[in-house]
Amino acid sequence: MGSCPYCSATTLDGDTICYSCGRVLANSSIMEHRINLQKDRHNNVNAYRMTSAPKRRGIVQTDRGRTKNILKGRKNRFRSLIMLGLVAFIMLSPQAREMTMGKISEVKEFIMNPTSGYLVYDIEADYTLNRIVTLENMDGDSNEYFIETLPISPDIYALENSNAMYTYTDGSQDLPNQKIQDVSAIELRIDGQSLDIPLGNAAIKSAAESVVTSGGHEIWWPGTSGSGNDFCTGGPCVKVKVNLSPNQKITFEYLVTISSKSFTWWSDVDDVDARIPGFSSGIVEENSGTFDDFQNRGDGERTDDFTALRWYNKNRPDHAIDATAANVIAAVSAIDSNLPDGNQNAFTFAKAAFDYIRENIEYYTEEGAGTAALSGPSCLAAGQGDCDEQTNAFLSLLRAKGIPGWYVFGILSSKSYTKWEAHAWGYIQLPMSSEWCNENNIDLNSCYIEASVDVTNNKWLLHTASALIDWIEQPDPNRDGTYINAYYRPLLYSDQDGDFDRIERDRIFALEGPVSYGGGKFPVYS
């Protein structure tokens, strides 16, 4: 045995060519070979032919003028493996096939965008999310109490203040207002007891009627009809009063079971998966109305409630939303400079403001973030911010143009239901153009969308099934931020001796049981 001097492949004694690269082997008998070749040609017999370089991988030409695929065996083995995998896939259950196709889709998206990060979401998901709260009295001398206010998560519709998405003037059936979050049960577990919490304001239990556990803790759900710490502010809630002796510790659980659907209010065929509910009736730049159209959409209520140039000071010298700040005005000018001259299209500006935050603000977290969130102007100045702060900046830009924008708070999974975090994002209103409304026989007053916008996670006019909504900001009757402050500050402590040892609190989120998926999966790029 020898080796080819050109490609180092193994050769056998007597070989005149290398079957790997197809070249003639130089050896001591090469001249004899050529002489014999000449003789054979002269005698008109089948002559050996010089080989040529291979034209396809694995294909060589033998010294008898024939072609040979030296990789044929390997190709056949590969085909066998493919067939085996196909048979195995067919034998899988429908659920397993769906999951497998979801994984294949994820891999395909990654291959198509190897440098882009993305998250994959389900179109539908049913699950139970558990808040697990642990409290410990760190004061070794005094009894202490702690009152936590837990929101009763609401049902959420694609349009929050209407029975239908659009009201048709020609008498045709209105487009149904789809439910995107359906809360079926809320349960509180404490001291070995399990309490079923009534949904919404269906039932009221006052502080005087509270359930007292074996450990002396108190639970009630008082509704919103009164004022003070014994009542809920801005929406229905559950109150849990924990009474702890010195160094005592307790854990309670608060479980919310929901059916959730992803929903899009955007119908751009190039950027949105058409399978997501809402796609067919969504907004695009071409059918958007102007800044002047807000006043005659939804009776102008969102304009009245959520366009104040400065909003919610959160007991700080600056307001969370502030469209009057110099750097907010400068950012608005920078956005306008990249739009058509004199742009009045509401969608065009809102999307450009969304992109501006995405391009200029980096996400960051730090210990204690959210307890004193930076204002919109401060977030722009710093060039970084967490979810609250980026939302403050985005809404500040919108309000400079009179586009209604308000807060939404909840709990979000960004790791396929394995990791959950408290989260803040926004809702906005956008009008359809008068021309589009008239062409589609839709009453102008109902011809608009109200849509979720999560700038931190690149969700433009998109709600995903892995987001549990606790509370969407309601109009504050006193216009002083009472409602939103109540959500941000759901805790009330005692301090019997004034040394501020009080109570240590830890909270985590975890799934209770499996997640039920449906409708397929789609990616959102980060």
Foldseek 3Di string as FASTA:
>chain_A
DAAAPPPRHDDDPPAQADQQFQAGGDDPCPVVLVVVQVVCVVVVHQHFDRWDTDPDHQWTAGRSRRIDRNCVVVVVVVVVVVVVVVVVLVPDDPVVVQVVVQVVVVVVVCVVPVPFFWFKFFQKKWFKKKKKKKKWFQAQPFKKKKKFKAFQFAWDWQFRPDQALFDFQVPDDGHGTHTFKAWDWKWKFFPNDIDTDDHWPPDFAFQVRWDADPQGKTKTWHEAPDDDPRYAFQGTIMMIMDIDGRGDMTMMMMMIIIMGGKAFQDQDPVADDCLRPNNVNHDDQVFFAFLVLCCQAQVNPLLVFFLPQFAPCLPHPGGQAHLPDPVLVVVLVVLQVPDPPPDGGLVSSLVSLLVSLLVQEAEDDDPPDLLNFDHLVVRNVVSYGHQSNSQRVSSNNSSNSSWGKFKWWFKADRDHQAAIDTHMFMKTKTFTHPVVCVVRRTDSHSGIGIFTDRSNNQAHRMDGRRTRTRDTGDRDPVRHCPRVSCVSDRMDIDDVPPPPSTMDMDIGMHTDDDMDGDSHMDMDTD
